[in-house]
Amino acid sequence: MGTAVLLLLALPASVGWAQCALCRSAVESGDPTFAQVLRSGIVLLLVFPYLLGLIVGIVLWRARRQRMRAFQWHGTQD
């Protein structure tokens, strides 16, 4: 069972190394500055979804915390 889980977790990592043939040829034959810009663009595209998820998570957590405080406050008044 553990081996099957390990293989399933490793499968997406091996697929993740694949590149578009056009991007690969442009990076290999191109300017080193272009490769750096391409890497920076990829990192930029990865950061924003996580940042957005973090912001949504914080907003939901704060709303839930406020709701729980209001519920506890009303519960102690009875």
PDB file of N, CA and C in Angstrom:
ATOM      1  N   MET A   1       0.824  -1.194   0.000  1.00  0.00           N
ATOM      2  CA  MET A   1       0.000   0.000   0.000  1.00  0.00           C
ATOM      3  C   MET A   1       0.868   1.258   0.000  1.00  0.00           C
ATOM      4  N   GLY A   2       1.891   1.294   0.820  1.00  0.00           N
ATOM      5  CA  GLY A   2       2.779   2.452   0.908  1.00  0.00           C
ATOM      6  C   GLY A   2       3.534   2.687  -0.393  1.00  0.00           C
ATOM      7  N   THR A   3       3.928   1.601  -1.066  1.00  0.00           N
ATOM      8  CA  THR A   3       4.638   1.732  -2.336  1.00  0.00           C
ATOM      9  C   THR A   3       3.735   2.345  -3.394  1.00  0.00           C
ATOM     10  N   ALA A   4       2.466   1.919  -3.415  1.00  0.00           N
ATOM     11  CA  ALA A   4       1.524   2.461  -4.393  1.00  0.00           C
ATOM     12  C   ALA A   4       1.304   3.953  -4.165  1.00  0.00           C
ATOM     13  N   VAL A   5       1.196   4.367  -2.927  1.00  0.00           N
ATOM     14  CA  VAL A   5       1.011   5.779  -2.616  1.00  0.00           C
ATOM     15  C   VAL A   5       2.249   6.572  -3.032  1.00  0.00           C
ATOM     16  N   LEU A   6       3.423   6.028  -2.755  1.00  0.00           N
ATOM     17  CA  LEU A   6       4.667   6.689  -3.131  1.00  0.00           C
ATOM     18  C   LEU A   6       4.770   6.858  -4.645  1.00  0.00           C
ATOM     19  N   LEU A   7       4.397   5.829  -5.387  1.00  0.00           N
ATOM     20  CA  LEU A   7       4.429   5.917  -6.846  1.00  0.00           C
ATOM     21  C   LEU A   7       3.429   6.946  -7.360  1.00  0.00           C
ATOM     22  N   LEU A   8       2.258   7.008  -6.760  1.00  0.00           N
ATOM     23  CA  LEU A   8       1.258   7.984  -7.191  1.00  0.00           C
ATOM     24  C   LEU A   8       1.697   9.411  -6.890  1.00  0.00           C
ATOM     25  N   LEU A   9       2.418   9.600  -5.795  1.00  0.00           N
ATOM     26  CA  LEU A   9       2.912  10.930  -5.456  1.00  0.00           C
ATOM     27  C   LEU A   9       4.094  11.338  -6.335  1.00  0.00           C
ATOM     28  N   ALA A  10       4.894  10.363  -6.768  1.00  0.00           N
ATOM     29  CA  ALA A  10       6.062  10.656  -7.592  1.00  0.00           C
ATOM     30  C   ALA A  10       5.691  10.875  -9.051  1.00  0.00           C
ATOM     31  N   LEU A  11       4.564  10.369  -9.494  1.00  0.00           N
ATOM     32  CA  LEU A  11       4.168  10.492 -10.895  1.00  0.00           C
ATOM     33  C   LEU A  11       4.008  11.941 -11.336  1.00  0.00           C
ATOM     34  N   PRO A  12       3.286  12.794 -10.599  1.00  0.00           N
ATOM     35  CA  PRO A  12       3.175  14.183 -11.046  1.00  0.00           C
ATOM     36  C   PRO A  12       4.517  14.913 -11.080  1.00  0.00           C
ATOM     37  N   ALA A  13       5.452  14.529 -10.236  1.00  0.00           N
ATOM     38  CA  ALA A  13       6.761  15.188 -10.237  1.00  0.00           C
ATOM     39  C   ALA A  13       7.503  14.896 -11.532  1.00  0.00           C
ATOM     40  N   SER A  14       7.415  13.675 -12.043  1.00  0.00           N
ATOM     41  CA  SER A  14       8.107  13.355 -13.279  1.00  0.00           C
ATOM     42  C   SER A  14       7.447  14.052 -14.466  1.00  0.00           C
ATOM     43  N   VAL A  15       6.145  14.205 -14.433  1.00  0.00           N
ATOM     44  CA  VAL A  15       5.452  14.914 -15.503  1.00  0.00           C
ATOM     45  C   VAL A  15       5.766  16.401 -15.439  1.00  0.00           C
ATOM     46  N   GLY A  16       6.004  16.921 -14.258  1.00  0.00           N
ATOM     47  CA  GLY A  16       6.291  18.333 -14.076  1.00  0.00           C
ATOM     48  C   GLY A  16       7.599  18.774 -14.717  1.00  0.00           C
ATOM     49  N   TRP A  17       8.515  17.855 -14.989  1.00  0.00           N
ATOM     50  CA  TRP A  17       9.775  18.217 -15.620  1.00  0.00           C
ATOM     51  C   TRP A  17       9.618  18.428 -17.120  1.00  0.00           C
ATOM     52  N   ALA A  18       8.491  18.015 -17.675  1.00  0.00           N
ATOM     53  CA  ALA A  18       8.268  18.176 -19.109  1.00  0.00           C
ATOM     54  C   ALA A  18       8.164  19.660 -19.449  1.00  0.00           C
ATOM     55  N   GLN A  19       8.614  19.991 -20.650  1.00  0.00           N
ATOM     56  CA  GLN A  19       8.557  21.374 -21.107  1.00  0.00           C
ATOM     57  C   GLN A  19       7.975  21.414 -22.503  1.00  0.00           C
ATOM     58  N   CYS A  20       7.440  22.545 -22.829  1.00  0.00           N
ATOM     59  CA  CYS A  20       7.009  22.800 -24.192  1.00  0.00           C
ATOM     60  C   CYS A  20       8.259  22.788 -25.072  1.00  0.00           C
ATOM     61  N   ALA A  21       8.197  22.119 -26.211  1.00  0.00           N
ATOM     62  CA  ALA A  21       9.369  22.021 -27.091  1.00  0.00           C
ATOM     63  C   ALA A  21       9.809  23.401 -27.578  1.00  0.00           C
ATOM     64  N   LEU A  22       8.866  24.272 -27.807  1.00  0.00           N
ATOM     65  CA  LEU A  22       9.192  25.610 -28.286  1.00  0.00           C
ATOM     66  C   LEU A  22       9.938  26.397 -27.203  1.00  0.00           C
ATOM     67  N   CYS A  23       9.457  26.313 -25.971  1.00  0.00           N
ATOM     68  CA  CYS A  23      10.125  27.027 -24.868  1.00  0.00           C
ATOM     69  C   CYS A  23      11.521  26.466 -24.638  1.00  0.00           C
ATOM     70  N   ARG A  24      11.635  25.153 -24.697  1.00  0.00           N
ATOM     71  CA  ARG A  24      12.928  24.524 -24.456  1.00  0.00           C
ATOM     72  C   ARG A  24      13.949  24.952 -25.503  1.00  0.00           C
ATOM     73  N   SER A  25      13.546  24.949 -26.773  1.00  0.00           N
ATOM     74  CA  SER A  25      14.490  25.340 -27.820  1.00  0.00           C
ATOM     75  C   SER A  25      14.842  26.824 -27.717  1.00  0.00           C
ATOM     76  N   ALA A  26      13.889  27.655 -27.327  1.00  0.00           N
ATOM     77  CA  ALA A  26      14.176  29.083 -27.179  1.00  0.00           C
ATOM     78  C   ALA A  26      15.157  29.327 -26.045  1.00  0.00           C
ATOM     79  N   VAL A  27      15.020  28.592 -24.964  1.00  0.00           N
ATOM     80  CA  VAL A  27      15.923  28.772 -23.824  1.00  0.00           C
ATOM     81  C   VAL A  27      17.306  28.226 -24.132  1.00  0.00           C
ATOM     82  N   GLU A  28      17.378  27.072 -24.795  1.00  0.00           N
ATOM     83  CA  GLU A  28      18.680  26.477 -25.083  1.00  0.00           C
ATOM     84  C   GLU A  28      19.474  27.275 -26.101  1.00  0.00           C
ATOM     85  N   SER A  29      18.807  27.845 -27.095  1.00  0.00           N
ATOM     86  CA  SER A  29      19.532  28.554 -28.147  1.00  0.00           C
ATOM     87  C   SER A  29      19.577  30.059 -27.909  1.00  0.00           C
ATOM     88  N   GLY A  30      18.883  30.500 -26.915  1.00  0.00           N
ATOM     89  CA  GLY A  30      18.742  31.942 -26.729  1.00  0.00           C
ATOM     90  C   GLY A  30      19.729  32.541 -25.765  1.00  0.00           C
ATOM     91  N   ASP A  31      19.429  33.728 -25.461  1.00  0.00           N
ATOM     92  CA  ASP A  31      20.211  34.579 -24.580  1.00  0.00           C
ATOM     93  C   ASP A  31      20.027  34.134 -23.121  1.00  0.00           C
ATOM     94  N   PRO A  32      21.061  34.150 -22.293  1.00  0.00           N
ATOM     95  CA  PRO A  32      20.885  33.794 -20.869  1.00  0.00           C
ATOM     96  C   PRO A  32      19.905  34.718 -20.151  1.00  0.00           C
ATOM     97  N   THR A  33      19.815  35.952 -20.604  1.00  0.00           N
ATOM     98  CA  THR A  33      18.858  36.879 -20.000  1.00  0.00           C
ATOM     99  C   THR A  33      17.439  36.409 -20.235  1.00  0.00           C
ATOM    100  N   PHE A  34      17.180  35.858 -21.432  1.00  0.00           N
ATOM    101  CA  PHE A  34      15.851  35.340 -21.745  1.00  0.00           C
ATOM    102  C   PHE A  34      15.481  34.189 -20.820  1.00  0.00           C
ATOM    103  N   ALA A  35      16.436  33.320 -20.543  1.00  0.00           N
ATOM    104  CA  ALA A  35      16.180  32.196 -19.631  1.00  0.00           C
ATOM    105  C   ALA A  35      15.831  32.710 -18.235  1.00  0.00           C
ATOM    106  N   GLN A  36      16.535  33.728 -17.771  1.00  0.00           N
ATOM    107  CA  GLN A  36      16.260  34.298 -16.453  1.00  0.00           C
ATOM    108  C   GLN A  36      14.886  34.940 -16.413  1.00  0.00           C
ATOM    109  N   VAL A  37      14.522  35.654 -17.484  1.00  0.00           N
ATOM    110  CA  VAL A  37      13.205  36.284 -17.550  1.00  0.00           C
ATOM    111  C   VAL A  37      12.113  35.231 -17.575  1.00  0.00           C
ATOM    112  N   LEU A  38      12.334  34.154 -18.310  1.00  0.00           N
ATOM    113  CA  LEU A  38      11.358  33.061 -18.367  1.00  0.00           C
ATOM    114  C   LEU A  38      11.172  32.420 -16.989  1.00  0.00           C
ATOM    115  N   ARG A  39      12.271  32.192 -16.283  1.00  0.00           N
ATOM    116  CA  ARG A  39      12.183  31.642 -14.927  1.00  0.00           C
ATOM    117  C   ARG A  39      11.444  32.583 -13.988  1.00  0.00           C
ATOM    118  N   SER A  40      11.732  33.866 -14.101  1.00  0.00           N
ATOM    119  CA  SER A  40      11.050  34.848 -13.258  1.00  0.00           C
ATOM    120  C   SER A  40       9.556  34.879 -13.552  1.00  0.00           C
ATOM    121  N   GLY A  41       9.201  34.754 -14.821  1.00  0.00           N
ATOM    122  CA  GLY A  41       7.793  34.721 -15.194  1.00  0.00           C
ATOM    123  C   GLY A  41       7.084  33.513 -14.626  1.00  0.00           C
ATOM    124  N   ILE A  42       7.751  32.372 -14.645  1.00  0.00           N
ATOM    125  CA  ILE A  42       7.161  31.152 -14.088  1.00  0.00           C
ATOM    126  C   ILE A  42       6.948  31.303 -12.588  1.00  0.00           C
ATOM    127  N   VAL A  43       7.932  31.845 -11.893  1.00  0.00           N
ATOM    128  CA  VAL A  43       7.798  32.055 -10.449  1.00  0.00           C
ATOM    129  C   VAL A  43       6.670  33.034 -10.157  1.00  0.00           C
ATOM    130  N   LEU A  44       6.581  34.068 -10.957  1.00  0.00           N
ATOM    131  CA  LEU A  44       5.516  35.052 -10.780  1.00  0.00           C
ATOM    132  C   LEU A  44       4.142  34.399 -10.967  1.00  0.00           C
ATOM    133  N   LEU A  45       4.024  33.540 -11.965  1.00  0.00           N
ATOM    134  CA  LEU A  45       2.760  32.852 -12.190  1.00  0.00           C
ATOM    135  C   LEU A  45       2.426  31.868 -11.067  1.00  0.00           C
ATOM    136  N   LEU A  46       3.435  31.366 -10.379  1.00  0.00           N
ATOM    137  CA  LEU A  46       3.195  30.451  -9.265  1.00  0.00           C
ATOM    138  C   LEU A  46       2.827  31.181  -7.977  1.00  0.00           C
ATOM    139  N   VAL A  47       3.350  32.383  -7.790  1.00  0.00           N
ATOM    140  CA  VAL A  47       3.160  33.105  -6.530  1.00  0.00           C
ATOM    141  C   VAL A  47       1.730  33.607  -6.365  1.00  0.00           C
ATOM    142  N   PHE A  48       1.147  34.173  -7.399  1.00  0.00           N
ATOM    143  CA  PHE A  48      -0.147  34.822  -7.255  1.00  0.00           C
ATOM    144  C   PHE A  48      -1.290  33.893  -6.856  1.00  0.00           C
ATOM    145  N   PRO A  49      -1.403  32.676  -7.387  1.00  0.00           N
ATOM    146  CA  PRO A  49      -2.482  31.808  -6.891  1.00  0.00           C
ATOM    147  C   PRO A  49      -2.344  31.474  -5.404  1.00  0.00           C
ATOM    148  N   TYR A  50      -1.115  31.244  -4.954  1.00  0.00           N
ATOM    149  CA  TYR A  50      -0.920  30.959  -3.534  1.00  0.00           C
ATOM    150  C   TYR A  50      -1.218  32.189  -2.678  1.00  0.00           C
ATOM    151  N   LEU A  51      -0.824  33.345  -3.157  1.00  0.00           N
ATOM    152  CA  LEU A  51      -1.102  34.579  -2.432  1.00  0.00           C
ATOM    153  C   LEU A  51      -2.603  34.826  -2.351  1.00  0.00           C
ATOM    154  N   LEU A  52      -3.302  34.614  -3.448  1.00  0.00           N
ATOM    155  CA  LEU A  52      -4.751  34.779  -3.456  1.00  0.00           C
ATOM    156  C   LEU A  52      -5.417  33.787  -2.501  1.00  0.00           C
ATOM    157  N   GLY A  53      -4.961  32.549  -2.505  1.00  0.00           N
ATOM    158  CA  GLY A  53      -5.504  31.553  -1.580  1.00  0.00           C
ATOM    159  C   GLY A  53      -5.241  31.920  -0.135  1.00  0.00           C
ATOM    160  N   LEU A  54      -4.076  32.460   0.146  1.00  0.00           N
ATOM    161  CA  LEU A  54      -3.747  32.888   1.499  1.00  0.00           C
ATOM    162  C   LEU A  54      -4.655  34.018   1.941  1.00  0.00           C
ATOM    163  N   ILE A  55      -4.884  34.985   1.072  1.00  0.00           N
ATOM    164  CA  ILE A  55      -5.753  36.115   1.415  1.00  0.00           C
ATOM    165  C   ILE A  55      -7.176  35.643   1.665  1.00  0.00           C
ATOM    166  N   VAL A  56      -7.691  34.782   0.785  1.00  0.00           N
ATOM    167  CA  VAL A  56      -9.052  34.254   0.972  1.00  0.00           C
ATOM    168  C   VAL A  56      -9.132  33.459   2.273  1.00  0.00           C
ATOM    169  N   GLY A  57      -8.110  32.668   2.562  1.00  0.00           N
ATOM    170  CA  GLY A  57      -8.090  31.895   3.797  1.00  0.00           C
ATOM    171  C   GLY A  57      -8.094  32.775   5.033  1.00  0.00           C
ATOM    172  N   ILE A  58      -7.325  33.850   5.011  1.00  0.00           N
ATOM    173  CA  ILE A  58      -7.282  34.759   6.155  1.00  0.00           C
ATOM    174  C   ILE A  58      -8.627  35.445   6.342  1.00  0.00           C
ATOM    175  N   VAL A  59      -9.245  35.892   5.239  1.00  0.00           N
ATOM    176  CA  VAL A  59     -10.555  36.549   5.334  1.00  0.00           C
ATOM    177  C   VAL A  59     -11.595  35.588   5.901  1.00  0.00           C
ATOM    178  N   LEU A  60     -11.610  34.355   5.417  1.00  0.00           N
ATOM    179  CA  LEU A  60     -12.575  33.371   5.927  1.00  0.00           C
ATOM    180  C   LEU A  60     -12.310  33.035   7.387  1.00  0.00           C
ATOM    181  N   TRP A  61     -11.042  32.922   7.750  1.00  0.00           N
ATOM    182  CA  TRP A  61     -10.692  32.602   9.136  1.00  0.00           C
ATOM    183  C   TRP A  61     -11.126  33.728  10.078  1.00  0.00           C
ATOM    184  N   ARG A  62     -10.901  34.982   9.652  1.00  0.00           N
ATOM    185  CA  ARG A  62     -11.302  36.112  10.500  1.00  0.00           C
ATOM    186  C   ARG A  62     -12.819  36.198  10.624  1.00  0.00           C
ATOM    187  N   ALA A  63     -13.527  35.928   9.522  1.00  0.00           N
ATOM    188  CA  ALA A  63     -14.996  35.959   9.574  1.00  0.00           C
ATOM    189  C   ALA A  63     -15.512  34.861  10.495  1.00  0.00           C
ATOM    190  N   ARG A  64     -14.918  33.687  10.418  1.00  0.00           N
ATOM    191  CA  ARG A  64     -15.339  32.584  11.290  1.00  0.00           C
ATOM    192  C   ARG A  64     -15.037  32.896  12.751  1.00  0.00           C
ATOM    193  N   ARG A  65     -13.879  33.501  12.989  1.00  0.00           N
ATOM    194  CA  ARG A  65     -13.509  33.860  14.353  1.00  0.00           C
ATOM    195  C   ARG A  65     -14.462  34.899  14.926  1.00  0.00           C
ATOM    196  N   GLN A  66     -14.866  35.877  14.114  1.00  0.00           N
ATOM    197  CA  GLN A  66     -15.831  36.878  14.573  1.00  0.00           C
ATOM    198  C   GLN A  66     -17.178  36.240  14.872  1.00  0.00           C
ATOM    199  N   ARG A  67     -17.593  35.342  13.997  1.00  0.00           N
ATOM    200  CA  ARG A  67     -18.875  34.666  14.192  1.00  0.00           C
ATOM    201  C   ARG A  67     -18.861  33.831  15.470  1.00  0.00           C
ATOM    202  N   MET A  68     -17.739  33.152  15.729  1.00  0.00           N
ATOM    203  CA  MET A  68     -17.642  32.342  16.943  1.00  0.00           C
ATOM    204  C   MET A  68     -17.643  33.233  18.195  1.00  0.00           C
ATOM    205  N   ARG A  69     -16.976  34.382  18.138  1.00  0.00           N
ATOM    206  CA  ARG A  69     -16.985  35.302  19.279  1.00  0.00           C
ATOM    207  C   ARG A  69     -18.378  35.841  19.536  1.00  0.00           C
ATOM    208  N   ALA A  70     -19.105  36.178  18.477  1.00  0.00           N
ATOM    209  CA  ALA A  70     -20.475  36.679  18.624  1.00  0.00           C
ATOM    210  C   ALA A  70     -21.375  35.592  19.206  1.00  0.00           C
ATOM    211  N   PHE A  71     -21.169  34.358  18.772  1.00  0.00           N
ATOM    212  CA  PHE A  71     -21.972  33.249  19.287  1.00  0.00           C
ATOM    213  C   PHE A  71     -21.678  33.029  20.765  1.00  0.00           C
ATOM    214  N   GLN A  72     -20.417  33.089  21.163  1.00  0.00           N
ATOM    215  CA  GLN A  72     -20.056  32.894  22.561  1.00  0.00           C
ATOM    216  C   GLN A  72     -20.593  34.048  23.420  1.00  0.00           C
ATOM    217  N   TRP A  73     -20.535  35.257  22.895  1.00  0.00           N
ATOM    218  CA  TRP A  73     -21.019  36.405  23.638  1.00  0.00           C
ATOM    219  C   TRP A  73     -22.511  36.307  23.867  1.00  0.00           C
ATOM    220  N   HIS A  74     -23.254  35.911  22.837  1.00  0.00           N
ATOM    221  CA  HIS A  74     -24.692  35.760  22.995  1.00  0.00           C
ATOM    222  C   HIS A  74     -25.034  34.570  23.886  1.00  0.00           C
ATOM    223  N   GLY A  75     -24.162  33.579  23.851  1.00  0.00           N
ATOM    224  CA  GLY A  75     -24.409  32.400  24.694  1.00  0.00           C
ATOM    225  C   GLY A  75     -24.229  32.696  26.157  1.00  0.00           C
ATOM    226  N   THR A  76     -23.336  33.605  26.524  1.00  0.00           N
ATOM    227  CA  THR A  76     -23.117  33.910  27.946  1.00  0.00           C
ATOM    228  C   THR A  76     -24.197  34.830  28.503  1.00  0.00           C
ATOM    229  N   GLN A  77     -24.907  35.554  27.654  1.00  0.00           N
ATOM    230  CA  GLN A  77     -25.950  36.469  28.123  1.00  0.00           C
ATOM    231  C   GLN A  77     -27.204  35.723  28.571  1.00  0.00           C
ATOM    232  N   ASP A  78     -27.438  34.536  28.034  1.00  0.00           N
ATOM    233  CA  ASP A  78     -28.667  33.779  28.378  1.00  0.00           C
ATOM    234  C   ASP A  78     -28.653  33.230  29.765  1.00  0.00           C
TER     235      ASP A  78
END
